[in-house]
Amino acid sequence: AAAVVVYGISHVGAAQCGSVTPVRLALAGAAMNAMLFAII
C-alpha cells in the first residue's frame, strides 16, 4: 500500500516531465516515511 501511494504521489505532475523522475520518487518516499513513522 505504501509503495502504491508513493508512486501515486510521485506521478502527480509527471505529465509535464514525461515520466516519474527519480527525484520526485525519492521525495515522495521521504515524505511518506516521515509521516508514517510520526503516526507510529
Full PDB file with SEQRES, HELIX, SHEET, SSBOND, CRYST1, ORIGX, SCALE, CONECT and MASTER records, all heavy atoms in Angstrom:
SEQRES   1 A   40  ALA ALA ALA VAL VAL VAL TYR GLY ILE SER HIS VAL GLY          
SEQRES   2 A   40  ALA ALA GLN CYS GLY SER VAL THR PRO VAL ARG LEU ALA          
SEQRES   3 A   40  LEU ALA GLY ALA ALA MET ASN ALA MET LEU PHE ALA ILE          
SEQRES   4 A   40  ILE                                                          
HELIX    1 AA1 ALA A    2  HIS A   11  1                                  10    
HELIX    2 AA2 ALA A   14  CYS A   17  1                                   4    
HELIX    3 AA3 PRO A   22  ILE A   39  1                                  18    
CRYST1    1.000    1.000    1.000  90.00  90.00  90.00 P 1           1          
ORIGX1      1.000000  0.000000  0.000000        0.00000                         
ORIGX2      0.000000  1.000000  0.000000        0.00000                         
ORIGX3      0.000000  0.000000  1.000000        0.00000                         
SCALE1      1.000000  0.000000  0.000000        0.00000                         
SCALE2      0.000000  1.000000  0.000000        0.00000                         
SCALE3      0.000000  0.000000  1.000000        0.00000                         
ATOM      1  N   ALA A   1       0.825  -1.205   0.000  1.00  0.00           N  
ATOM      2  CA  ALA A   1       0.000   0.000   0.000  1.00  0.00           C  
ATOM      3  C   ALA A   1       0.860   1.255   0.000  1.00  0.00           C  
ATOM      4  O   ALA A   1       0.578   2.224  -0.726  1.00  0.00           O  
ATOM      5  CB  ALA A   1      -0.928  -0.011   1.212  1.00  0.00           C  
ATOM      6  N   ALA A   2       1.919   1.250   0.803  1.00  0.00           N  
ATOM      7  CA  ALA A   2       2.801   2.417   0.860  1.00  0.00           C  
ATOM      8  C   ALA A   2       3.487   2.655  -0.484  1.00  0.00           C  
ATOM      9  O   ALA A   2       3.619   3.802  -0.934  1.00  0.00           O  
ATOM     10  CB  ALA A   2       3.848   2.232   1.959  1.00  0.00           C  
ATOM     11  N   ALA A   3       3.919   1.573  -1.133  1.00  0.00           N  
ATOM     12  CA  ALA A   3       4.576   1.716  -2.431  1.00  0.00           C  
ATOM     13  C   ALA A   3       3.629   2.300  -3.474  1.00  0.00           C  
ATOM     14  O   ALA A   3       4.013   3.142  -4.282  1.00  0.00           O  
ATOM     15  CB  ALA A   3       5.108   0.359  -2.897  1.00  0.00           C  
ATOM     16  N   VAL A   4       2.378   1.853  -3.443  1.00  0.00           N  
ATOM     17  CA  VAL A   4       1.376   2.377  -4.392  1.00  0.00           C  
ATOM     18  C   VAL A   4       1.139   3.863  -4.149  1.00  0.00           C  
ATOM     19  O   VAL A   4       1.079   4.665  -5.097  1.00  0.00           O  
ATOM     20  CB  VAL A   4       0.058   1.589  -4.268  1.00  0.00           C  
ATOM     21  CG1 VAL A   4      -1.050   2.276  -5.065  1.00  0.00           C  
ATOM     22  CG2 VAL A   4       0.248   0.162  -4.764  1.00  0.00           C  
ATOM     23  N   VAL A   5       1.010   4.255  -2.882  1.00  0.00           N  
ATOM     24  CA  VAL A   5       0.769   5.665  -2.560  1.00  0.00           C  
ATOM     25  C   VAL A   5       1.967   6.525  -2.962  1.00  0.00           C  
ATOM     26  O   VAL A   5       1.811   7.614  -3.528  1.00  0.00           O  
ATOM     27  CB  VAL A   5       0.465   5.826  -1.055  1.00  0.00           C  
ATOM     28  CG1 VAL A   5       0.383   7.300  -0.681  1.00  0.00           C  
ATOM     29  CG2 VAL A   5      -0.834   5.123  -0.707  1.00  0.00           C  
ATOM     30  N   VAL A   6       3.173   6.049  -2.665  1.00  0.00           N  
ATOM     31  CA  VAL A   6       4.377   6.801  -3.030  1.00  0.00           C  
ATOM     32  C   VAL A   6       4.454   6.991  -4.536  1.00  0.00           C  
ATOM     33  O   VAL A   6       4.750   8.085  -5.036  1.00  0.00           O  
ATOM     34  CB  VAL A   6       5.641   6.083  -2.509  1.00  0.00           C  
ATOM     35  CG1 VAL A   6       6.898   6.661  -3.154  1.00  0.00           C  
ATOM     36  CG2 VAL A   6       5.731   6.212  -1.001  1.00  0.00           C  
ATOM     37  N   TYR A   7       4.174   5.919  -5.272  1.00  0.00           N  
ATOM     38  CA  TYR A   7       4.219   6.041  -6.727  1.00  0.00           C  
ATOM     39  C   TYR A   7       3.129   6.986  -7.222  1.00  0.00           C  
ATOM     40  O   TYR A   7       3.345   7.775  -8.151  1.00  0.00           O  
ATOM     41  CB  TYR A   7       4.044   4.671  -7.382  1.00  0.00           C  
ATOM     42  CG  TYR A   7       4.213   4.722  -8.883  1.00  0.00           C  
ATOM     43  CD1 TYR A   7       5.481   4.771  -9.445  1.00  0.00           C  
ATOM     44  CD2 TYR A   7       3.103   4.739  -9.734  1.00  0.00           C  
ATOM     45  CE1 TYR A   7       5.647   4.830 -10.815  1.00  0.00           C  
ATOM     46  CE2 TYR A   7       3.263   4.806 -11.104  1.00  0.00           C  
ATOM     47  CZ  TYR A   7       4.541   4.847 -11.639  1.00  0.00           C  
ATOM     48  OH  TYR A   7       4.700   4.924 -12.993  1.00  0.00           O  
ATOM     49  N   GLY A   8       1.948   6.924  -6.600  1.00  0.00           N  
ATOM     50  CA  GLY A   8       0.880   7.825  -6.996  1.00  0.00           C  
ATOM     51  C   GLY A   8       1.231   9.282  -6.757  1.00  0.00           C  
ATOM     52  O   GLY A   8       0.976  10.153  -7.596  1.00  0.00           O  
ATOM     53  N   ILE A   9       1.846   9.565  -5.591  1.00  0.00           N  
ATOM     54  CA  ILE A   9       2.261  10.939  -5.282  1.00  0.00           C  
ATOM     55  C   ILE A   9       3.326  11.414  -6.271  1.00  0.00           C  
ATOM     56  O   ILE A   9       3.271  12.536  -6.777  1.00  0.00           O  
ATOM     57  CB  ILE A   9       2.788  11.027  -3.840  1.00  0.00           C  
ATOM     58  CG1 ILE A   9       1.668  10.740  -2.838  1.00  0.00           C  
ATOM     59  CG2 ILE A   9       3.403  12.396  -3.569  1.00  0.00           C  
ATOM     60  CD1 ILE A   9       2.142  10.644  -1.400  1.00  0.00           C  
ATOM     61  N   SER A  10       4.295  10.557  -6.543  1.00  0.00           N  
ATOM     62  CA  SER A  10       5.373  10.948  -7.457  1.00  0.00           C  
ATOM     63  C   SER A  10       4.885  11.108  -8.881  1.00  0.00           C  
ATOM     64  O   SER A  10       5.520  11.777  -9.701  1.00  0.00           O  
ATOM     65  CB  SER A  10       6.499   9.912  -7.403  1.00  0.00           C  
ATOM     66  OG  SER A  10       6.033   8.641  -7.847  1.00  0.00           O  
ATOM     67  N   HIS A  11       3.733  10.478  -9.192  1.00  0.00           N  
ATOM     68  CA  HIS A  11       3.184  10.560 -10.537  1.00  0.00           C  
ATOM     69  C   HIS A  11       2.464  11.882 -10.771  1.00  0.00           C  
ATOM     70  O   HIS A  11       2.218  12.279 -11.913  1.00  0.00           O  
ATOM     71  CB  HIS A  11       2.222   9.390 -10.777  1.00  0.00           C  
ATOM     72  CG  HIS A  11       1.880   9.172 -12.218  1.00  0.00           C  
ATOM     73  ND1 HIS A  11       0.869   9.846 -12.856  1.00  0.00           N  
ATOM     74  CD2 HIS A  11       2.440   8.366 -13.158  1.00  0.00           C  
ATOM     75  CE1 HIS A  11       0.798   9.447 -14.116  1.00  0.00           C  
ATOM     76  NE2 HIS A  11       1.746   8.561 -14.325  1.00  0.00           N  
ATOM     77  N   VAL A  12       2.105  12.599  -9.691  1.00  0.00           N  
ATOM     78  CA  VAL A  12       1.418  13.882  -9.825  1.00  0.00           C  
ATOM     79  C   VAL A  12       2.345  14.872 -10.527  1.00  0.00           C  
ATOM     80  O   VAL A  12       3.469  15.107 -10.107  1.00  0.00           O  
ATOM     81  CB  VAL A  12       1.011  14.428  -8.441  1.00  0.00           C  
ATOM     82  CG1 VAL A  12       0.410  15.825  -8.592  1.00  0.00           C  
ATOM     83  CG2 VAL A  12       0.036  13.479  -7.774  1.00  0.00           C  
ATOM     84  N   GLY A  13       1.885  15.420 -11.573  1.00  0.00           N  
ATOM     85  CA  GLY A  13       2.709  16.364 -12.331  1.00  0.00           C  
ATOM     86  C   GLY A  13       3.663  15.702 -13.287  1.00  0.00           C  
ATOM     87  O   GLY A  13       4.452  16.377 -13.948  1.00  0.00           O  
ATOM     88  N   ALA A  14       3.606  14.359 -13.404  1.00  0.00           N  
ATOM     89  CA  ALA A  14       4.537  13.675 -14.302  1.00  0.00           C  
ATOM     90  C   ALA A  14       4.246  13.970 -15.764  1.00  0.00           C  
ATOM     91  O   ALA A  14       5.091  13.776 -16.616  1.00  0.00           O  
ATOM     92  CB  ALA A  14       4.483  12.160 -14.067  1.00  0.00           C  
ATOM     93  N   ALA A  15       3.036  14.427 -16.047  1.00  0.00           N  
ATOM     94  CA  ALA A  15       2.698  14.730 -17.439  1.00  0.00           C  
ATOM     95  C   ALA A  15       3.594  15.827 -17.995  1.00  0.00           C  
ATOM     96  O   ALA A  15       3.897  15.849 -19.184  1.00  0.00           O  
ATOM     97  CB  ALA A  15       1.232  15.152 -17.525  1.00  0.00           C  
ATOM     98  N   GLN A  16       4.033  16.754 -17.124  1.00  0.00           N  
ATOM     99  CA  GLN A  16       4.876  17.838 -17.593  1.00  0.00           C  
ATOM    100  C   GLN A  16       6.290  17.378 -17.937  1.00  0.00           C  
ATOM    101  O   GLN A  16       6.930  17.920 -18.817  1.00  0.00           O  
ATOM    102  CB  GLN A  16       4.965  18.953 -16.536  1.00  0.00           C  
ATOM    103  CG  GLN A  16       3.703  19.803 -16.414  1.00  0.00           C  
ATOM    104  CD  GLN A  16       2.587  19.087 -15.677  1.00  0.00           C  
ATOM    105  OE1 GLN A  16       2.832  18.125 -14.952  1.00  0.00           O  
ATOM    106  NE2 GLN A  16       1.358  19.559 -15.864  1.00  0.00           N  
ATOM    107  N   CYS A  17       6.787  16.355 -17.198  1.00  0.00           N  
ATOM    108  CA  CYS A  17       8.162  15.896 -17.427  1.00  0.00           C  
ATOM    109  C   CYS A  17       8.211  14.593 -18.204  1.00  0.00           C  
ATOM    110  O   CYS A  17       9.291  14.115 -18.531  1.00  0.00           O  
ATOM    111  CB  CYS A  17       8.904  15.734 -16.097  1.00  0.00           C  
ATOM    112  SG  CYS A  17       8.175  14.520 -14.998  1.00  0.00           S  
ATOM    113  N   GLY A  18       7.066  13.995 -18.468  1.00  0.00           N  
ATOM    114  CA  GLY A  18       7.033  12.814 -19.315  1.00  0.00           C  
ATOM    115  C   GLY A  18       7.085  11.511 -18.571  1.00  0.00           C  
ATOM    116  O   GLY A  18       6.704  10.481 -19.095  1.00  0.00           O  
ATOM    117  N   SER A  19       7.546  11.503 -17.339  1.00  0.00           N  
ATOM    118  CA  SER A  19       7.628  10.265 -16.575  1.00  0.00           C  
ATOM    119  C   SER A  19       7.862  10.601 -15.117  1.00  0.00           C  
ATOM    120  O   SER A  19       8.088  11.754 -14.745  1.00  0.00           O  
ATOM    121  CB  SER A  19       8.767   9.367 -17.089  1.00  0.00           C  
ATOM    122  OG  SER A  19      10.018   9.993 -16.896  1.00  0.00           O  
ATOM    123  N   VAL A  20       7.826   9.574 -14.293  1.00  0.00           N  
ATOM    124  CA  VAL A  20       8.125   9.748 -12.874  1.00  0.00           C  
ATOM    125  C   VAL A  20       9.631   9.867 -12.728  1.00  0.00           C  
ATOM    126  O   VAL A  20      10.365   8.934 -13.043  1.00  0.00           O  
ATOM    127  CB  VAL A  20       7.597   8.556 -12.060  1.00  0.00           C  
ATOM    128  CG1 VAL A  20       7.983   8.708 -10.602  1.00  0.00           C  
ATOM    129  CG2 VAL A  20       6.092   8.440 -12.209  1.00  0.00           C  
ATOM    130  N   THR A  21      10.105  11.014 -12.263  1.00  0.00           N  
ATOM    131  CA  THR A  21      11.541  11.230 -12.171  1.00  0.00           C  
ATOM    132  C   THR A  21      12.099  10.627 -10.884  1.00  0.00           C  
ATOM    133  O   THR A  21      11.378  10.490  -9.887  1.00  0.00           O  
ATOM    134  CB  THR A  21      11.860  12.734 -12.202  1.00  0.00           C  
ATOM    135  OG1 THR A  21      11.299  13.346 -11.027  1.00  0.00           O  
ATOM    136  CG2 THR A  21      11.286  13.389 -13.442  1.00  0.00           C  
ATOM    137  N   PRO A  22      13.393  10.281 -10.870  1.00  0.00           N  
ATOM    138  CA  PRO A  22      13.998   9.741  -9.646  1.00  0.00           C  
ATOM    139  C   PRO A  22      13.898  10.688  -8.465  1.00  0.00           C  
ATOM    140  O   PRO A  22      13.678  10.253  -7.336  1.00  0.00           O  
ATOM    141  CB  PRO A  22      15.464   9.519 -10.065  1.00  0.00           C  
ATOM    142  CG  PRO A  22      15.414   9.336 -11.545  1.00  0.00           C  
ATOM    143  CD  PRO A  22      14.304  10.233 -12.016  1.00  0.00           C  
ATOM    144  N   VAL A  23      14.057  11.997  -8.720  1.00  0.00           N  
ATOM    145  CA  VAL A  23      13.993  12.970  -7.623  1.00  0.00           C  
ATOM    146  C   VAL A  23      12.593  13.006  -7.017  1.00  0.00           C  
ATOM    147  O   VAL A  23      12.423  12.982  -5.798  1.00  0.00           O  
ATOM    148  CB  VAL A  23      14.400  14.368  -8.128  1.00  0.00           C  
ATOM    149  CG1 VAL A  23      14.173  15.406  -7.031  1.00  0.00           C  
ATOM    150  CG2 VAL A  23      15.848  14.372  -8.575  1.00  0.00           C  
ATOM    151  N   ARG A  24      11.580  13.048  -7.882  1.00  0.00           N  
ATOM    152  CA  ARG A  24      10.196  13.085  -7.390  1.00  0.00           C  
ATOM    153  C   ARG A  24       9.877  11.809  -6.595  1.00  0.00           C  
ATOM    154  O   ARG A  24       9.196  11.852  -5.565  1.00  0.00           O  
ATOM    155  CB  ARG A  24       9.230  13.249  -8.563  1.00  0.00           C  
ATOM    156  CG  ARG A  24       7.769  13.322  -8.126  1.00  0.00           C  
ATOM    157  CD  ARG A  24       6.849  13.583  -9.297  1.00  0.00           C  
ATOM    158  NE  ARG A  24       6.830  15.009  -9.623  1.00  0.00           N  
ATOM    159  CZ  ARG A  24       7.382  15.536 -10.705  1.00  0.00           C  
ATOM    160  NH1 ARG A  24       8.017  14.757 -11.565  1.00  0.00           N  
ATOM    161  NH2 ARG A  24       7.312  16.828 -10.931  1.00  0.00           N  
ATOM    162  N   LEU A  25      10.364  10.668  -7.063  1.00  0.00           N  
ATOM    163  CA  LEU A  25      10.131   9.404  -6.377  1.00  0.00           C  
ATOM    164  C   LEU A  25      10.783   9.395  -5.000  1.00  0.00           C  
ATOM    165  O   LEU A  25      10.176   8.978  -4.004  1.00  0.00           O  
ATOM    166  CB  LEU A  25      10.678   8.252  -7.224  1.00  0.00           C  
ATOM    167  CG  LEU A  25      10.426   6.837  -6.723  1.00  0.00           C  
ATOM    168  CD1 LEU A  25       8.944   6.520  -6.716  1.00  0.00           C  
ATOM    169  CD2 LEU A  25      11.171   5.841  -7.602  1.00  0.00           C  
ATOM    170  N   ALA A  26      12.037   9.885  -4.920  1.00  0.00           N  
ATOM    171  CA  ALA A  26      12.743   9.915  -3.636  1.00  0.00           C  
ATOM    172  C   ALA A  26      12.071  10.859  -2.650  1.00  0.00           C  
ATOM    173  O   ALA A  26      11.942  10.554  -1.461  1.00  0.00           O  
ATOM    174  CB  ALA A  26      14.199  10.325  -3.858  1.00  0.00           C  
ATOM    175  N   LEU A  27      11.622  12.018  -3.129  1.00  0.00           N  
ATOM    176  CA  LEU A  27      10.965  12.980  -2.256  1.00  0.00           C  
ATOM    177  C   LEU A  27       9.628  12.446  -1.739  1.00  0.00           C  
ATOM    178  O   LEU A  27       9.288  12.623  -0.561  1.00  0.00           O  
ATOM    179  CB  LEU A  27      10.744  14.298  -3.002  1.00  0.00           C  
ATOM    180  CG  LEU A  27      12.009  15.112  -3.317  1.00  0.00           C  
ATOM    181  CD1 LEU A  27      11.657  16.332  -4.151  1.00  0.00           C  
ATOM    182  CD2 LEU A  27      12.731  15.512  -2.039  1.00  0.00           C  
ATOM    183  N   ALA A  28       8.875  11.788  -2.612  1.00  0.00           N  
ATOM    184  CA  ALA A  28       7.597  11.213  -2.184  1.00  0.00           C  
ATOM    185  C   ALA A  28       7.818  10.127  -1.139  1.00  0.00           C  
ATOM    186  O   ALA A  28       7.085  10.030  -0.152  1.00  0.00           O  
ATOM    187  CB  ALA A  28       6.848  10.648  -3.392  1.00  0.00           C  
ATOM    188  N   GLY A  29       8.848   9.305  -1.347  1.00  0.00           N  
ATOM    189  CA  GLY A  29       9.158   8.263  -0.371  1.00  0.00           C  
ATOM    190  C   GLY A  29       9.597   8.833   0.959  1.00  0.00           C  
ATOM    191  O   GLY A  29       9.195   8.332   2.023  1.00  0.00           O  
ATOM    192  N   ALA A  30      10.416   9.879   0.933  1.00  0.00           N  
ATOM    193  CA  ALA A  30      10.862  10.505   2.177  1.00  0.00           C  
ATOM    194  C   ALA A  30       9.685  11.105   2.943  1.00  0.00           C  
ATOM    195  O   ALA A  30       9.606  10.992   4.171  1.00  0.00           O  
ATOM    196  CB  ALA A  30      11.897  11.587   1.869  1.00  0.00           C  
ATOM    197  N   ALA A  31       8.770  11.735   2.216  1.00  0.00           N  
ATOM    198  CA  ALA A  31       7.596  12.310   2.867  1.00  0.00           C  
ATOM    199  C   ALA A  31       6.723  11.224   3.495  1.00  0.00           C  
ATOM    200  O   ALA A  31       6.226  11.377   4.616  1.00  0.00           O  
ATOM    201  CB  ALA A  31       6.784  13.115   1.848  1.00  0.00           C  
ATOM    202  N   MET A  32       6.551  10.122   2.781  1.00  0.00           N  
ATOM    203  CA  MET A  32       5.750   9.012   3.302  1.00  0.00           C  
ATOM    204  C   MET A  32       6.395   8.421   4.549  1.00  0.00           C  
ATOM    205  O   MET A  32       5.717   8.145   5.552  1.00  0.00           O  
ATOM    206  CB  MET A  32       5.597   7.938   2.221  1.00  0.00           C  
ATOM    207  CG  MET A  32       4.831   6.701   2.668  1.00  0.00           C  
ATOM    208  SD  MET A  32       3.118   7.058   3.122  1.00  0.00           S  
ATOM    209  CE  MET A  32       2.453   7.527   1.522  1.00  0.00           C  
ATOM    210  N   ASN A  33       7.709   8.227   4.522  1.00  0.00           N  
ATOM    211  CA  ASN A  33       8.413   7.694   5.690  1.00  0.00           C  
ATOM    212  C   ASN A  33       8.222   8.591   6.903  1.00  0.00           C  
ATOM    213  O   ASN A  33       7.921   8.120   8.008  1.00  0.00           O  
ATOM    214  CB  ASN A  33       9.905   7.553   5.376  1.00  0.00           C  
ATOM    215  CG  ASN A  33      10.214   6.327   4.555  1.00  0.00           C  
ATOM    216  OD1 ASN A  33       9.543   5.308   4.662  1.00  0.00           O  
ATOM    217  ND2 ASN A  33      11.232   6.407   3.711  1.00  0.00           N  
ATOM    218  N   ALA A  34       8.414   9.888   6.709  1.00  0.00           N  
ATOM    219  CA  ALA A  34       8.304  10.830   7.828  1.00  0.00           C  
ATOM    220  C   ALA A  34       6.899  10.817   8.421  1.00  0.00           C  
ATOM    221  O   ALA A  34       6.728  10.798   9.650  1.00  0.00           O  
ATOM    222  CB  ALA A  34       8.674  12.234   7.352  1.00  0.00           C  
ATOM    223  N   MET A  35       5.892  10.826   7.562  1.00  0.00           N  
ATOM    224  CA  MET A  35       4.516  10.871   8.046  1.00  0.00           C  
ATOM    225  C   MET A  35       4.135   9.597   8.795  1.00  0.00           C  
ATOM    226  O   MET A  35       3.589   9.642   9.906  1.00  0.00           O  
ATOM    227  CB  MET A  35       3.559  11.084   6.873  1.00  0.00           C  
ATOM    228  CG  MET A  35       2.091  11.185   7.288  1.00  0.00           C  
ATOM    229  SD  MET A  35       0.975  11.295   5.884  1.00  0.00           S  
ATOM    230  CE  MET A  35       1.129   9.634   5.207  1.00  0.00           C  
ATOM    231  N   LEU A  36       4.422   8.439   8.200  1.00  0.00           N  
ATOM    232  CA  LEU A  36       4.009   7.174   8.808  1.00  0.00           C  
ATOM    233  C   LEU A  36       4.751   6.906  10.113  1.00  0.00           C  
ATOM    234  O   LEU A  36       4.151   6.445  11.093  1.00  0.00           O  
ATOM    235  CB  LEU A  36       4.223   6.020   7.829  1.00  0.00           C  
ATOM    236  CG  LEU A  36       3.306   6.003   6.607  1.00  0.00           C  
ATOM    237  CD1 LEU A  36       3.577   4.769   5.751  1.00  0.00           C  
ATOM    238  CD2 LEU A  36       1.840   6.025   7.034  1.00  0.00           C  
ATOM    239  N   PHE A  37       6.053   7.190  10.151  1.00  0.00           N  
ATOM    240  CA  PHE A  37       6.796   6.946  11.389  1.00  0.00           C  
ATOM    241  C   PHE A  37       6.368   7.917  12.492  1.00  0.00           C  
ATOM    242  O   PHE A  37       6.443   7.577  13.680  1.00  0.00           O  
ATOM    243  CB  PHE A  37       8.295   7.034  11.139  1.00  0.00           C  
ATOM    244  CG  PHE A  37       8.873   5.781  10.543  1.00  0.00           C  
ATOM    245  CD1 PHE A  37       9.578   5.815   9.362  1.00  0.00           C  
ATOM    246  CD2 PHE A  37       8.698   4.552  11.176  1.00  0.00           C  
ATOM    247  CE1 PHE A  37      10.107   4.653   8.806  1.00  0.00           C  
ATOM    248  CE2 PHE A  37       9.221   3.384  10.635  1.00  0.00           C  
ATOM    249  CZ  PHE A  37       9.927   3.439   9.442  1.00  0.00           C  
ATOM    250  N   ALA A  38       5.917   9.103  12.126  1.00  0.00           N  
ATOM    251  CA  ALA A  38       5.385  10.038  13.132  1.00  0.00           C  
ATOM    252  C   ALA A  38       4.094   9.487  13.731  1.00  0.00           C  
ATOM    253  O   ALA A  38       3.877   9.547  14.954  1.00  0.00           O  
ATOM    254  CB  ALA A  38       5.138  11.406  12.498  1.00  0.00           C  
ATOM    255  N   ILE A  39       3.220   8.946  12.887  1.00  0.00           N  
ATOM    256  CA  ILE A  39       1.971   8.357  13.381  1.00  0.00           C  
ATOM    257  C   ILE A  39       2.270   7.133  14.250  1.00  0.00           C  
ATOM    258  O   ILE A  39       1.643   6.930  15.301  1.00  0.00           O  
ATOM    259  CB  ILE A  39       1.062   7.972  12.207  1.00  0.00           C  
ATOM    260  CG1 ILE A  39       0.669   9.208  11.402  1.00  0.00           C  
ATOM    261  CG2 ILE A  39      -0.188   7.252  12.707  1.00  0.00           C  
ATOM    262  CD1 ILE A  39      -0.119   8.893  10.144  1.00  0.00           C  
ATOM    263  N   ILE A  40       3.227   6.315  13.812  1.00  0.00           N  
ATOM    264  CA  ILE A  40       3.614   5.134  14.592  1.00  0.00           C  
ATOM    265  C   ILE A  40       4.101   5.555  15.979  1.00  0.00           C  
ATOM    266  O   ILE A  40       3.721   4.959  16.996  1.00  0.00           O  
ATOM    267  CB  ILE A  40       4.709   4.337  13.854  1.00  0.00           C  
ATOM    268  CG1 ILE A  40       4.128   3.665  12.619  1.00  0.00           C  
ATOM    269  CG2 ILE A  40       5.338   3.298  14.780  1.00  0.00           C  
ATOM    270  CD1 ILE A  40       5.171   3.034  11.720  1.00  0.00           C  
TER     271      ILE A  40                                                      
MASTER        0    0    0    3    0    0    0    6  270    1    0    4          
END                                                                             
